[in-house]
PDB file of N, CA and C in Angstrom:
ATOM      1  N   MET A   1     112.055 240.847 195.197  1.00  0.00           N
ATOM      2  CA  MET A   1     111.864 239.488 195.649  1.00  0.00           C
ATOM      3  C   MET A   1     110.549 239.343 196.414  1.00  0.00           C
ATOM      4  N   GLU A   2     110.149 240.388 197.142  1.00  0.00           N
ATOM      5  CA  GLU A   2     108.900 240.346 197.921  1.00  0.00           C
ATOM      6  C   GLU A   2     107.689 240.127 197.015  1.00  0.00           C
ATOM      7  N   LYS A   3     107.734 240.700 195.810  1.00  0.00           N
ATOM      8  CA  LYS A   3     106.637 240.551 194.855  1.00  0.00           C
ATOM      9  C   LYS A   3     106.442 239.074 194.483  1.00  0.00           C
ATOM     10  N   TYR A   4     107.549 238.372 194.248  1.00  0.00           N
ATOM     11  CA  TYR A   4     107.468 236.952 193.904  1.00  0.00           C
ATOM     12  C   TYR A   4     106.937 236.133 195.069  1.00  0.00           C
ATOM     13  N   THR A   5     107.407 236.441 196.254  1.00  0.00           N
ATOM     14  CA  THR A   5     106.959 235.730 197.452  1.00  0.00           C
ATOM     15  C   THR A   5     105.463 235.925 197.654  1.00  0.00           C
ATOM     16  N   ARG A   6     104.979 237.153 197.491  1.00  0.00           N
ATOM     17  CA  ARG A   6     103.557 237.453 197.642  1.00  0.00           C
ATOM     18  C   ARG A   6     102.724 236.677 196.616  1.00  0.00           C
ATOM     19  N   THR A   7     103.230 236.595 195.396  1.00  0.00           N
ATOM     20  CA  THR A   7     102.519 235.875 194.339  1.00  0.00           C
ATOM     21  C   THR A   7     102.428 234.392 194.661  1.00  0.00           C
ATOM     22  N   PHE A   8     103.549 233.793 195.062  1.00  0.00           N
ATOM     23  CA  PHE A   8     103.534 232.364 195.394  1.00  0.00           C
ATOM     24  C   PHE A   8     102.674 232.078 196.624  1.00  0.00           C
ATOM     25  N   LYS A   9     102.680 232.971 197.599  1.00  0.00           N
ATOM     26  CA  LYS A   9     101.814 232.801 198.770  1.00  0.00           C
ATOM     27  C   LYS A   9     100.345 232.848 198.353  1.00  0.00           C
ATOM     28  N   ALA A  10     100.028 233.752 197.446  1.00  0.00           N
ATOM     29  CA  ALA A  10      98.639 233.865 196.976  1.00  0.00           C
ATOM     30  C   ALA A  10      98.201 232.580 196.292  1.00  0.00           C
ATOM     31  N   LEU A  11      99.095 231.955 195.559  1.00  0.00           N
ATOM     32  CA  LEU A  11      98.755 230.734 194.828  1.00  0.00           C
ATOM     33  C   LEU A  11      98.870 229.469 195.677  1.00  0.00           C
ATOM     34  N   SER A  12      99.354 229.600 196.906  1.00  0.00           N
ATOM     35  CA  SER A  12      99.548 228.417 197.747  1.00  0.00           C
ATOM     36  C   SER A  12      98.259 227.920 198.393  1.00  0.00           C
ATOM     37  N   ASP A  13      97.178 228.674 198.254  1.00  0.00           N
ATOM     38  CA  ASP A  13      95.894 228.290 198.836  1.00  0.00           C
ATOM     39  C   ASP A  13      94.995 227.706 197.747  1.00  0.00           C
ATOM     40  N   LEU A  14      94.385 226.558 198.015  1.00  0.00           N
ATOM     41  CA  LEU A  14      93.554 225.885 197.015  1.00  0.00           C
ATOM     42  C   LEU A  14      92.380 226.757 196.565  1.00  0.00           C
ATOM     43  N   THR A  15      91.728 227.438 197.487  1.00  0.00           N
ATOM     44  CA  THR A  15      90.583 228.271 197.108  1.00  0.00           C
ATOM     45  C   THR A  15      91.018 229.401 196.182  1.00  0.00           C
ATOM     46  N   ARG A  16      92.143 230.031 196.472  1.00  0.00           N
ATOM     47  CA  ARG A  16      92.622 231.112 195.607  1.00  0.00           C
ATOM     48  C   ARG A  16      93.031 230.569 194.240  1.00  0.00           C
ATOM     49  N   LEU A  17      93.623 229.400 194.228  1.00  0.00           N
ATOM     50  CA  LEU A  17      93.994 228.770 192.959  1.00  0.00           C
ATOM     51  C   LEU A  17      92.744 228.461 192.134  1.00  0.00           C
ATOM     52  N   ARG A  18      91.703 227.951 192.795  1.00  0.00           N
ATOM     53  CA  ARG A  18      90.441 227.665 192.110  1.00  0.00           C
ATOM     54  C   ARG A  18      89.822 228.951 191.559  1.00  0.00           C
ATOM     55  N   ALA A  19      89.802 230.005 192.378  1.00  0.00           N
ATOM     56  CA  ALA A  19      89.202 231.274 191.958  1.00  0.00           C
ATOM     57  C   ALA A  19      89.970 231.873 190.784  1.00  0.00           C
ATOM     58  N   LEU A  20      91.291 231.861 190.866  1.00  0.00           N
ATOM     59  CA  LEU A  20      92.089 232.411 189.777  1.00  0.00           C
ATOM     60  C   LEU A  20      91.850 231.626 188.500  1.00  0.00           C
ATOM     61  N   ARG A  21      91.779 230.323 188.598  1.00  0.00           N
ATOM     62  CA  ARG A  21      91.562 229.507 187.405  1.00  0.00           C
ATOM     63  C   ARG A  21      90.216 229.847 186.758  1.00  0.00           C
ATOM     64  N   LEU A  22      89.190 230.070 187.577  1.00  0.00           N
ATOM     65  CA  LEU A  22      87.886 230.441 187.024  1.00  0.00           C
ATOM     66  C   LEU A  22      87.948 231.785 186.310  1.00  0.00           C
ATOM     67  N   VAL A  23      88.633 232.732 186.908  1.00  0.00           N
ATOM     68  CA  VAL A  23      88.768 234.050 186.264  1.00  0.00           C
ATOM     69  C   VAL A  23      89.525 233.899 184.951  1.00  0.00           C
ATOM     70  N   LEU A  24      90.597 233.137 184.967  1.00  0.00           N
ATOM     71  CA  LEU A  24      91.384 232.933 183.751  1.00  0.00           C
ATOM     72  C   LEU A  24      90.586 232.233 182.665  1.00  0.00           C
ATOM     73  N   ARG A  25      89.854 231.207 183.038  1.00  0.00           N
ATOM     74  CA  ARG A  25      89.113 230.414 182.060  1.00  0.00           C
ATOM     75  C   ARG A  25      87.866 231.122 181.553  1.00  0.00           C
ATOM     76  N   SER A  26      87.393 232.135 182.280  1.00  0.00           N
ATOM     77  CA  SER A  26      86.176 232.842 181.867  1.00  0.00           C
ATOM     78  C   SER A  26      86.400 233.660 180.606  1.00  0.00           C
ATOM     79  N   GLY A  27      87.633 234.072 180.379  1.00  0.00           N
ATOM     80  CA  GLY A  27      87.928 234.866 179.196  1.00  0.00           C
ATOM     81  C   GLY A  27      87.476 236.312 179.295  1.00  0.00           C
ATOM     82  N   GLY A  28      87.112 236.752 180.469  1.00  0.00           N
ATOM     83  CA  GLY A  28      86.656 238.137 180.643  1.00  0.00           C
ATOM     84  C   GLY A  28      86.464 238.439 182.113  1.00  0.00           C
ATOM     85  N   GLU A  29      85.447 239.206 182.393  1.00  0.00           N
ATOM     86  CA  GLU A  29      85.149 239.586 183.774  1.00  0.00           C
ATOM     87  C   GLU A  29      84.173 238.597 184.400  1.00  0.00           C
ATOM     88  N   VAL A  30      84.385 238.332 185.692  1.00  0.00           N
ATOM     89  CA  VAL A  30      83.502 237.440 186.437  1.00  0.00           C
ATOM     90  C   VAL A  30      83.073 238.154 187.714  1.00  0.00           C
ATOM     91  N   CYS A  31      81.768 238.175 187.952  1.00  0.00           N
ATOM     92  CA  CYS A  31      81.219 238.814 189.147  1.00  0.00           C
ATOM     93  C   CYS A  31      81.518 237.966 190.383  1.00  0.00           C
ATOM     94  N   VAL A  32      81.695 238.622 191.504  1.00  0.00           N
ATOM     95  CA  VAL A  32      81.948 237.906 192.751  1.00  0.00           C
ATOM     96  C   VAL A  32      80.841 236.891 193.021  1.00  0.00           C
ATOM     97  N   CYS A  33      79.590 237.265 192.809  1.00  0.00           N
ATOM     98  CA  CYS A  33      78.494 236.334 193.107  1.00  0.00           C
ATOM     99  C   CYS A  33      78.533 235.117 192.190  1.00  0.00           C
ATOM    100  N   GLU A  34      79.035 235.272 190.971  1.00  0.00           N
ATOM    101  CA  GLU A  34      79.182 234.128 190.074  1.00  0.00           C
ATOM    102  C   GLU A  34      80.268 233.190 190.585  1.00  0.00           C
ATOM    103  N   LEU A  35      81.334 233.766 191.126  1.00  0.00           N
ATOM    104  CA  LEU A  35      82.396 232.950 191.712  1.00  0.00           C
ATOM    105  C   LEU A  35      81.921 232.266 192.994  1.00  0.00           C
ATOM    106  N   VAL A  36      81.109 232.955 193.771  1.00  0.00           N
ATOM    107  CA  VAL A  36      80.532 232.354 194.988  1.00  0.00           C
ATOM    108  C   VAL A  36      79.759 231.092 194.628  1.00  0.00           C
ATOM    109  N   ASP A  37      78.933 231.179 193.613  1.00  0.00           N
ATOM    110  CA  ASP A  37      78.136 230.020 193.204  1.00  0.00           C
ATOM    111  C   ASP A  37      79.004 228.925 192.604  1.00  0.00           C
ATOM    112  N   ALA A  38      80.005 229.288 191.831  1.00  0.00           N
ATOM    113  CA  ALA A  38      80.866 228.290 191.199  1.00  0.00           C
ATOM    114  C   ALA A  38      81.743 227.569 192.227  1.00  0.00           C
ATOM    115  N   LEU A  39      82.241 228.312 193.200  1.00  0.00           N
ATOM    116  CA  LEU A  39      83.121 227.724 194.220  1.00  0.00           C
ATOM    117  C   LEU A  39      82.346 227.093 195.376  1.00  0.00           C
ATOM    118  N   GLN A  40      81.061 227.430 195.481  1.00  0.00           N
ATOM    119  CA  GLN A  40      80.199 226.947 196.560  1.00  0.00           C
ATOM    120  C   GLN A  40      80.767 227.304 197.931  1.00  0.00           C
ATOM    121  N   LEU A  41      81.141 228.570 198.056  1.00  0.00           N
ATOM    122  CA  LEU A  41      81.684 229.100 199.299  1.00  0.00           C
ATOM    123  C   LEU A  41      80.965 230.392 199.648  1.00  0.00           C
ATOM    124  N   PRO A  42      80.990 230.806 200.927  1.00  0.00           N
ATOM    125  CA  PRO A  42      80.341 232.066 201.316  1.00  0.00           C
ATOM    126  C   PRO A  42      80.992 233.276 200.639  1.00  0.00           C
ATOM    127  N   GLN A  43      80.197 234.309 200.407  1.00  0.00           N
ATOM    128  CA  GLN A  43      80.658 235.511 199.716  1.00  0.00           C
ATOM    129  C   GLN A  43      81.844 236.159 200.423  1.00  0.00           C
ATOM    130  N   TYR A  44      81.785 236.256 201.744  1.00  0.00           N
ATOM    131  CA  TYR A  44      82.874 236.919 202.465  1.00  0.00           C
ATOM    132  C   TYR A  44      84.193 236.173 202.267  1.00  0.00           C
ATOM    133  N   GLN A  45      84.136 234.862 202.193  1.00  0.00           N
ATOM    134  CA  GLN A  45      85.338 234.062 202.024  1.00  0.00           C
ATOM    135  C   GLN A  45      85.919 234.239 200.605  1.00  0.00           C
ATOM    136  N   VAL A  46      85.050 234.208 199.612  1.00  0.00           N
ATOM    137  CA  VAL A  46      85.498 234.402 198.224  1.00  0.00           C
ATOM    138  C   VAL A  46      86.083 235.805 198.067  1.00  0.00           C
ATOM    139  N   SER A  47      85.434 236.808 198.623  1.00  0.00           N
ATOM    140  CA  SER A  47      85.934 238.183 198.518  1.00  0.00           C
ATOM    141  C   SER A  47      87.304 238.329 199.172  1.00  0.00           C
ATOM    142  N   LYS A  48      87.501 237.694 200.308  1.00  0.00           N
ATOM    143  CA  LYS A  48      88.801 237.758 200.993  1.00  0.00           C
ATOM    144  C   LYS A  48      89.895 237.131 200.128  1.00  0.00           C
ATOM    145  N   HIS A  49      89.602 235.988 199.527  1.00  0.00           N
ATOM    146  CA  HIS A  49      90.585 235.333 198.662  1.00  0.00           C
ATOM    147  C   HIS A  49      90.877 236.170 197.418  1.00  0.00           C
ATOM    148  N   LEU A  50      89.856 236.778 196.846  1.00  0.00           N
ATOM    149  CA  LEU A  50      90.060 237.635 195.681  1.00  0.00           C
ATOM    150  C   LEU A  50      90.911 238.849 196.035  1.00  0.00           C
ATOM    151  N   SER A  51      90.758 239.354 197.246  1.00  0.00           N
ATOM    152  CA  SER A  51      91.569 240.476 197.705  1.00  0.00           C
ATOM    153  C   SER A  51      93.054 240.091 197.746  1.00  0.00           C
ATOM    154  N   VAL A  52      93.346 238.894 198.205  1.00  0.00           N
ATOM    155  CA  VAL A  52      94.737 238.428 198.241  1.00  0.00           C
ATOM    156  C   VAL A  52      95.288 238.306 196.821  1.00  0.00           C
ATOM    157  N   LEU A  53      94.482 237.761 195.907  1.00  0.00           N
ATOM    158  CA  LEU A  53      94.910 237.645 194.514  1.00  0.00           C
ATOM    159  C   LEU A  53      95.146 239.021 193.897  1.00  0.00           C
ATOM    160  N   LYS A  54      94.312 239.976 194.265  1.00  0.00           N
ATOM    161  CA  LYS A  54      94.468 241.336 193.745  1.00  0.00           C
ATOM    162  C   LYS A  54      95.752 241.968 194.285  1.00  0.00           C
ATOM    163  N   GLN A  55      96.011 241.814 195.563  1.00  0.00           N
ATOM    164  CA  GLN A  55      97.226 242.368 196.163  1.00  0.00           C
ATOM    165  C   GLN A  55      98.485 241.761 195.552  1.00  0.00           C
ATOM    166  N   ALA A  56      98.377 240.521 195.091  1.00  0.00           N
ATOM    167  CA  ALA A  56      99.513 239.846 194.460  1.00  0.00           C
ATOM    168  C   ALA A  56      99.653 240.232 192.991  1.00  0.00           C
ATOM    169  N   GLY A  57      98.728 241.029 192.470  1.00  0.00           N
ATOM    170  CA  GLY A  57      98.800 241.482 191.090  1.00  0.00           C
ATOM    171  C   GLY A  57      98.310 240.473 190.071  1.00  0.00           C
ATOM    172  N   LEU A  58      97.557 239.473 190.531  1.00  0.00           N
ATOM    173  CA  LEU A  58      97.063 238.430 189.628  1.00  0.00           C
ATOM    174  C   LEU A  58      95.722 238.779 189.007  1.00  0.00           C
ATOM    175  N   VAL A  59      94.893 239.528 189.717  1.00  0.00           N
ATOM    176  CA  VAL A  59      93.593 239.940 189.196  1.00  0.00           C
ATOM    177  C   VAL A  59      93.384 241.424 189.481  1.00  0.00           C
ATOM    178  N   GLN A  60      92.417 241.989 188.793  1.00  0.00           N
ATOM    179  CA  GLN A  60      92.001 243.365 189.054  1.00  0.00           C
ATOM    180  C   GLN A  60      90.487 243.376 189.179  1.00  0.00           C
ATOM    181  N   ASP A  61      89.961 244.396 189.842  1.00  0.00           N
ATOM    182  CA  ASP A  61      88.515 244.461 189.994  1.00  0.00           C
ATOM    183  C   ASP A  61      87.960 245.722 189.350  1.00  0.00           C
ATOM    184  N   CYS A  62      86.655 245.670 189.120  1.00  0.00           N
ATOM    185  CA  CYS A  62      85.942 246.783 188.504  1.00  0.00           C
ATOM    186  C   CYS A  62      84.514 246.757 189.046  1.00  0.00           C
ATOM    187  N   ARG A  63      84.081 247.871 189.613  1.00  0.00           N
ATOM    188  CA  ARG A  63      82.709 247.953 190.131  1.00  0.00           C
ATOM    189  C   ARG A  63      81.812 248.540 189.052  1.00  0.00           C
ATOM    190  N   ILE A  64      80.710 247.820 188.798  1.00  0.00           N
ATOM    191  CA  ILE A  64      79.693 248.294 187.859  1.00  0.00           C
ATOM    192  C   ILE A  64      78.363 248.210 188.594  1.00  0.00           C
ATOM    193  N   GLY A  65      77.865 249.352 189.029  1.00  0.00           N
ATOM    194  CA  GLY A  65      76.651 249.374 189.839  1.00  0.00           C
ATOM    195  C   GLY A  65      76.919 248.678 191.168  1.00  0.00           C
ATOM    196  N   THR A  66      76.084 247.715 191.507  1.00  0.00           N
ATOM    197  CA  THR A  66      76.268 246.994 192.768  1.00  0.00           C
ATOM    198  C   THR A  66      77.169 245.779 192.618  1.00  0.00           C
ATOM    199  N   TRP A  67      77.605 245.486 191.410  1.00  0.00           N
ATOM    200  CA  TRP A  67      78.384 244.284 191.139  1.00  0.00           C
ATOM    201  C   TRP A  67      79.874 244.604 191.077  1.00  0.00           C
ATOM    202  N   VAL A  68      80.693 243.685 191.594  1.00  0.00           N
ATOM    203  CA  VAL A  68      82.141 243.804 191.477  1.00  0.00           C
ATOM    204  C   VAL A  68      82.623 242.650 190.605  1.00  0.00           C
ATOM    205  N   TYR A  69      83.300 243.017 189.522  1.00  0.00           N
ATOM    206  CA  TYR A  69      83.799 242.032 188.563  1.00  0.00           C
ATOM    207  C   TYR A  69      85.311 241.913 188.693  1.00  0.00           C
ATOM    208  N   TYR A  70      85.798 240.693 188.534  1.00  0.00           N
ATOM    209  CA  TYR A  70      87.233 240.437 188.559  1.00  0.00           C
ATOM    210  C   TYR A  70      87.675 239.920 187.204  1.00  0.00           C
ATOM    211  N   SER A  71      88.869 240.330 186.807  1.00  0.00           N
ATOM    212  CA  SER A  71      89.462 239.878 185.551  1.00  0.00           C
ATOM    213  C   SER A  71      90.965 239.758 185.759  1.00  0.00           C
ATOM    214  N   VAL A  72      91.630 239.186 184.772  1.00  0.00           N
ATOM    215  CA  VAL A  72      93.081 239.049 184.824  1.00  0.00           C
ATOM    216  C   VAL A  72      93.691 240.444 184.784  1.00  0.00           C
ATOM    217  N   SER A  73      94.717 240.661 185.577  1.00  0.00           N
ATOM    218  CA  SER A  73      95.370 241.964 185.622  1.00  0.00           C
ATOM    219  C   SER A  73      95.963 242.324 184.269  1.00  0.00           C
ATOM    220  N   GLU A  74      95.687 243.539 183.845  1.00  0.00           N
ATOM    221  CA  GLU A  74      96.268 244.038 182.593  1.00  0.00           C
ATOM    222  C   GLU A  74      97.714 244.465 182.858  1.00  0.00           C
ATOM    223  N   GLY A  75      98.560 244.257 181.894  1.00  0.00           N
ATOM    224  CA  GLY A  75      99.949 244.682 182.026  1.00  0.00           C
ATOM    225  C   GLY A  75     100.740 243.871 183.035  1.00  0.00           C
ATOM    226  N   ALA A  76     100.339 242.619 183.237  1.00  0.00           N
ATOM    227  CA  ALA A  76     101.049 241.771 184.195  1.00  0.00           C
ATOM    228  C   ALA A  76     102.461 241.478 183.689  1.00  0.00           C
ATOM    229  N   SER A  77     103.349 241.207 184.615  1.00  0.00           N
ATOM    230  CA  SER A  77     104.730 240.884 184.256  1.00  0.00           C
ATOM    231  C   SER A  77     104.789 239.526 183.549  1.00  0.00           C
ATOM    232  N   LYS A  78     105.902 239.258 182.905  1.00  0.00           N
ATOM    233  CA  LYS A  78     106.100 237.962 182.242  1.00  0.00           C
ATOM    234  C   LYS A  78     106.013 236.833 183.264  1.00  0.00           C
ATOM    235  N   PHE A  79     106.480 237.081 184.457  1.00  0.00           N
ATOM    236  CA  PHE A  79     106.411 236.102 185.545  1.00  0.00           C
ATOM    237  C   PHE A  79     104.963 235.736 185.844  1.00  0.00           C
ATOM    238  N   VAL A  80     104.104 236.743 186.046  1.00  0.00           N
ATOM    239  CA  VAL A  80     102.683 236.520 186.333  1.00  0.00           C
ATOM    240  C   VAL A  80     101.993 235.889 185.138  1.00  0.00           C
ATOM    241  N   GLU A  81     102.292 236.351 183.942  1.00  0.00           N
ATOM    242  CA  GLU A  81     101.696 235.758 182.745  1.00  0.00           C
ATOM    243  C   GLU A  81     102.016 234.267 182.647  1.00  0.00           C
ATOM    244  N   GLY A  82     103.254 233.894 182.932  1.00  0.00           N
ATOM    245  CA  GLY A  82     103.656 232.494 182.891  1.00  0.00           C
ATOM    246  C   GLY A  82     102.922 231.656 183.923  1.00  0.00           C
ATOM    247  N   LEU A  83     102.795 232.173 185.125  1.00  0.00           N
ATOM    248  CA  LEU A  83     102.056 231.456 186.167  1.00  0.00           C
ATOM    249  C   LEU A  83     100.592 231.296 185.782  1.00  0.00           C
ATOM    250  N   CYS A  84     100.017 232.339 185.221  1.00  0.00           N
ATOM    251  CA  CYS A  84      98.612 232.278 184.811  1.00  0.00           C
ATOM    252  C   CYS A  84      98.396 231.242 183.710  1.00  0.00           C
ATOM    253  N   ARG A  85      99.338 231.130 182.793  1.00  0.00           N
ATOM    254  CA  ARG A  85      99.223 230.096 181.760  1.00  0.00           C
ATOM    255  C   ARG A  85      99.216 228.703 182.395  1.00  0.00           C
ATOM    256  N   LEU A  86     100.050 228.494 183.394  1.00  0.00           N
ATOM    257  CA  LEU A  86     100.097 227.199 184.076  1.00  0.00           C
ATOM    258  C   LEU A  86      98.790 226.909 184.807  1.00  0.00           C
ATOM    259  N   VAL A  87      98.262 227.897 185.496  1.00  0.00           N
ATOM    260  CA  VAL A  87      97.027 227.719 186.265  1.00  0.00           C
ATOM    261  C   VAL A  87      95.850 227.443 185.336  1.00  0.00           C
ATOM    262  N   ALA A  88      95.852 228.022 184.161  1.00  0.00           N
ATOM    263  CA  ALA A  88      94.728 227.872 183.232  1.00  0.00           C
ATOM    264  C   ALA A  88      94.704 226.506 182.543  1.00  0.00           C
ATOM    265  N   GLU A  89      95.769 225.738 182.641  1.00  0.00           N
ATOM    266  CA  GLU A  89      95.836 224.433 181.972  1.00  0.00           C
ATOM    267  C   GLU A  89      94.729 223.498 182.456  1.00  0.00           C
ATOM    268  N   ASP A  90      94.397 222.520 181.632  1.00  0.00           N
ATOM    269  CA  ASP A  90      93.349 221.553 181.939  1.00  0.00           C
ATOM    270  C   ASP A  90      93.821 220.369 182.777  1.00  0.00           C
ATOM    271  N   VAL A  91      94.994 220.405 183.284  1.00  0.00           N
ATOM    272  CA  VAL A  91      95.551 219.244 183.976  1.00  0.00           C
ATOM    273  C   VAL A  91      95.421 219.322 185.499  1.00  0.00           C
ATOM    274  N   LEU A  92      94.573 220.172 186.007  1.00  0.00           N
ATOM    275  CA  LEU A  92      94.535 220.401 187.440  1.00  0.00           C
ATOM    276  C   LEU A  92      93.558 219.509 188.210  1.00  0.00           C
ATOM    277  N   GLY A  93      92.725 218.734 187.561  1.00  0.00           N
ATOM    278  CA  GLY A  93      91.923 217.751 188.261  1.00  0.00           C
ATOM    279  C   GLY A  93      90.437 218.008 188.328  1.00  0.00           C
ATOM    280  N   PRO A  94      89.720 217.053 188.916  1.00  0.00           N
ATOM    281  CA  PRO A  94      88.260 217.073 188.917  1.00  0.00           C
ATOM    282  C   PRO A  94      87.630 218.228 189.703  1.00  0.00           C
ATOM    283  N   VAL A  95      88.272 218.689 190.747  1.00  0.00           N
ATOM    284  CA  VAL A  95      87.719 219.817 191.509  1.00  0.00           C
ATOM    285  C   VAL A  95      87.607 221.036 190.608  1.00  0.00           C
ATOM    286  N   PHE A  96      88.639 221.270 189.821  1.00  0.00           N
ATOM    287  CA  PHE A  96      88.663 222.425 188.926  1.00  0.00           C
ATOM    288  C   PHE A  96      87.661 222.260 187.788  1.00  0.00           C
ATOM    289  N   GLU A  97      87.498 221.035 187.325  1.00  0.00           N
ATOM    290  CA  GLU A  97      86.518 220.770 186.262  1.00  0.00           C
ATOM    291  C   GLU A  97      85.100 221.035 186.763  1.00  0.00           C
ATOM    292  N   ALA A  98      84.801 220.603 187.988  1.00  0.00           N
ATOM    293  CA  ALA A  98      83.477 220.837 188.565  1.00  0.00           C
ATOM    294  C   ALA A  98      83.224 222.332 188.754  1.00  0.00           C
ATOM    295  N   ASP A  99      84.249 223.063 189.204  1.00  0.00           N
ATOM    296  CA  ASP A  99      84.131 224.522 189.335  1.00  0.00           C
ATOM    297  C   ASP A  99      83.788 225.149 187.988  1.00  0.00           C
ATOM    298  N   ALA A 100      84.498 224.731 186.951  1.00  0.00           N
ATOM    299  CA  ALA A 100      84.295 225.299 185.620  1.00  0.00           C
ATOM    300  C   ALA A 100      82.884 225.011 185.116  1.00  0.00           C
ATOM    301  N   LYS A 101      82.367 223.835 185.369  1.00  0.00           N
ATOM    302  CA  LYS A 101      81.003 223.495 184.942  1.00  0.00           C
ATOM    303  C   LYS A 101      79.978 224.359 185.670  1.00  0.00           C
ATOM    304  N   ARG A 102      80.167 224.538 186.974  1.00  0.00           N
ATOM    305  CA  ARG A 102      79.241 225.385 187.731  1.00  0.00           C
ATOM    306  C   ARG A 102      79.304 226.830 187.255  1.00  0.00           C
ATOM    307  N   LEU A 103      80.519 227.322 186.956  1.00  0.00           N
ATOM    308  CA  LEU A 103      80.632 228.699 186.473  1.00  0.00           C
ATOM    309  C   LEU A 103      79.966 228.846 185.111  1.00  0.00           C
ATOM    310  N   ALA A 104      80.190 227.910 184.223  1.00  0.00           N
ATOM    311  CA  ALA A 104      79.578 227.974 182.892  1.00  0.00           C
ATOM    312  C   ALA A 104      78.054 228.017 183.011  1.00  0.00           C
ATOM    313  N   ALA A 105      77.499 227.186 183.887  1.00  0.00           N
ATOM    314  CA  ALA A 105      76.045 227.182 184.098  1.00  0.00           C
ATOM    315  C   ALA A 105      75.591 228.516 184.689  1.00  0.00           C
ATOM    316  N   ARG A 106      76.370 229.052 185.623  1.00  0.00           N
ATOM    317  CA  ARG A 106      76.012 230.310 186.286  1.00  0.00           C
ATOM    318  C   ARG A 106      76.065 231.486 185.316  1.00  0.00           C
ATOM    319  N   LEU A 107      77.021 231.474 184.401  1.00  0.00           N
ATOM    320  CA  LEU A 107      77.148 232.568 183.435  1.00  0.00           C
ATOM    321  C   LEU A 107      75.965 232.616 182.470  1.00  0.00           C
ATOM    322  N   GLN A 108      75.236 231.521 182.364  1.00  0.00           N
ATOM    323  CA  GLN A 108      74.045 231.491 181.509  1.00  0.00           C
ATOM    324  C   GLN A 108      72.937 232.400 182.041  1.00  0.00           C
ATOM    325  N   ALA A 109      73.001 232.757 183.319  1.00  0.00           N
ATOM    326  CA  ALA A 109      71.977 233.614 183.922  1.00  0.00           C
ATOM    327  C   ALA A 109      72.213 235.099 183.636  1.00  0.00           C
ATOM    328  N   ARG A 110      73.271 235.428 182.949  1.00  0.00           N
ATOM    329  CA  ARG A 110      73.580 236.826 182.645  1.00  0.00           C
ATOM    330  C   ARG A 110      72.587 237.414 181.641  1.00  0.00           C
ATOM    331  N   ALA A 111      72.448 238.729 181.708  1.00  0.00           N
ATOM    332  CA  ALA A 111      71.655 239.470 180.725  1.00  0.00           C
ATOM    333  C   ALA A 111      72.568 240.524 180.120  1.00  0.00           C
ATOM    334  N   ASP A 112      72.658 240.562 178.823  1.00  0.00           N
ATOM    335  CA  ASP A 112      73.539 241.497 178.127  1.00  0.00           C
ATOM    336  C   ASP A 112      74.982 241.388 178.600  1.00  0.00           C
ATOM    337  N   GLY A 113      75.410 240.167 178.926  1.00  0.00           N
ATOM    338  CA  GLY A 113      76.786 239.926 179.332  1.00  0.00           C
ATOM    339  C   GLY A 113      77.122 240.360 180.734  1.00  0.00           C
ATOM    340  N   ARG A 114      76.123 240.705 181.522  1.00  0.00           N
ATOM    341  CA  ARG A 114      76.354 241.174 182.893  1.00  0.00           C
ATOM    342  C   ARG A 114      75.555 240.356 183.893  1.00  0.00           C
ATOM    343  N   CYS A 115      76.083 240.258 185.103  1.00  0.00           N
ATOM    344  CA  CYS A 115      75.410 239.552 186.189  1.00  0.00           C
ATOM    345  C   CYS A 115      74.166 240.341 186.607  1.00  0.00           C
ATOM    346  N   VAL A 116      73.066 239.646 186.791  1.00  0.00           N
ATOM    347  CA  VAL A 116      71.832 240.313 187.214  1.00  0.00           C
ATOM    348  C   VAL A 116      71.126 239.584 188.352  1.00  0.00           C
ATOM    349  N   VAL A 117      71.646 238.442 188.756  1.00  0.00           N
ATOM    350  CA  VAL A 117      70.915 237.597 189.681  1.00  0.00           C
ATOM    351  C   VAL A 117      71.395 237.705 191.121  1.00  0.00           C
ATOM    352  N   GLY A 118      72.659 237.901 191.377  1.00  0.00           N
ATOM    353  CA  GLY A 118      73.199 237.772 192.715  1.00  0.00           C
ATOM    354  C   GLY A 118      73.467 236.301 192.971  1.00  0.00           C
ATOM    355  N   THR A 119      73.721 235.948 194.212  1.00  0.00           N
ATOM    356  CA  THR A 119      74.000 234.541 194.488  1.00  0.00           C
ATOM    357  C   THR A 119      72.750 233.713 194.358  1.00  0.00           C
ATOM    358  N   VAL A 120      72.927 232.499 193.910  1.00  0.00           N
ATOM    359  CA  VAL A 120      71.806 231.578 193.695  1.00  0.00           C
ATOM    360  C   VAL A 120      71.853 230.513 194.790  1.00  0.00           C
ATOM    361  N   PRO A 121      70.809 230.433 195.645  1.00  0.00           N
ATOM    362  CA  PRO A 121      70.819 229.411 196.681  1.00  0.00           C
ATOM    363  C   PRO A 121      70.886 228.022 196.050  1.00  0.00           C
ATOM    364  N   SER A 122      71.838 227.216 196.527  1.00  0.00           N
ATOM    365  CA  SER A 122      72.021 225.889 195.962  1.00  0.00           C
ATOM    366  C   SER A 122      72.271 224.849 197.043  1.00  0.00           C
ATOM    367  N   GLY A 123      71.662 225.016 198.188  1.00  0.00           N
ATOM    368  CA  GLY A 123      71.860 224.057 199.261  1.00  0.00           C
ATOM    369  C   GLY A 123      73.000 224.496 200.168  1.00  0.00           C
ATOM    370  N   PRO A 124      73.396 223.633 201.071  1.00  0.00           N
ATOM    371  CA  PRO A 124      74.426 223.989 202.045  1.00  0.00           C
ATOM    372  C   PRO A 124      75.787 224.227 201.386  1.00  0.00           C
ATOM    373  N   ARG A 125      76.495 225.199 201.894  1.00  0.00           N
ATOM    374  CA  ARG A 125      77.838 225.521 201.415  1.00  0.00           C
ATOM    375  C   ARG A 125      78.842 224.677 202.193  1.00  0.00           C
ATOM    376  N   ARG A 126      79.992 224.458 201.576  1.00  0.00           N
ATOM    377  CA  ARG A 126      81.067 223.725 202.264  1.00  0.00           C
ATOM    378  C   ARG A 126      81.736 224.611 203.264  1.00  0.00           C
TER     379      ARG A 126
END
């Protein structure tokens, strides 16, 4: 039962829900700095939220050089898979649509499918 509670707690925060949706919609691995730019939040805050999602078994990470990439957890339970399908739906609203547009634009800066830029200054963060 604790596993379910941890998962629902992880999804109860808007920032974590936004981050998970971006990872799900990316169709692969997403670098922390790409999520920072898409969410328009400080790196430390995005990393903390990703850590909670990882502890809940919703995402996994992989370090490649100086970059840390997040993807959907492999071998997730049917419960987690079902929740992820719900989060990935297009019915979540304009905030999520704006996040997705920023991520799509940010992913264009990749070289050979990998992040090479780091965070991109884009004015004041929220």
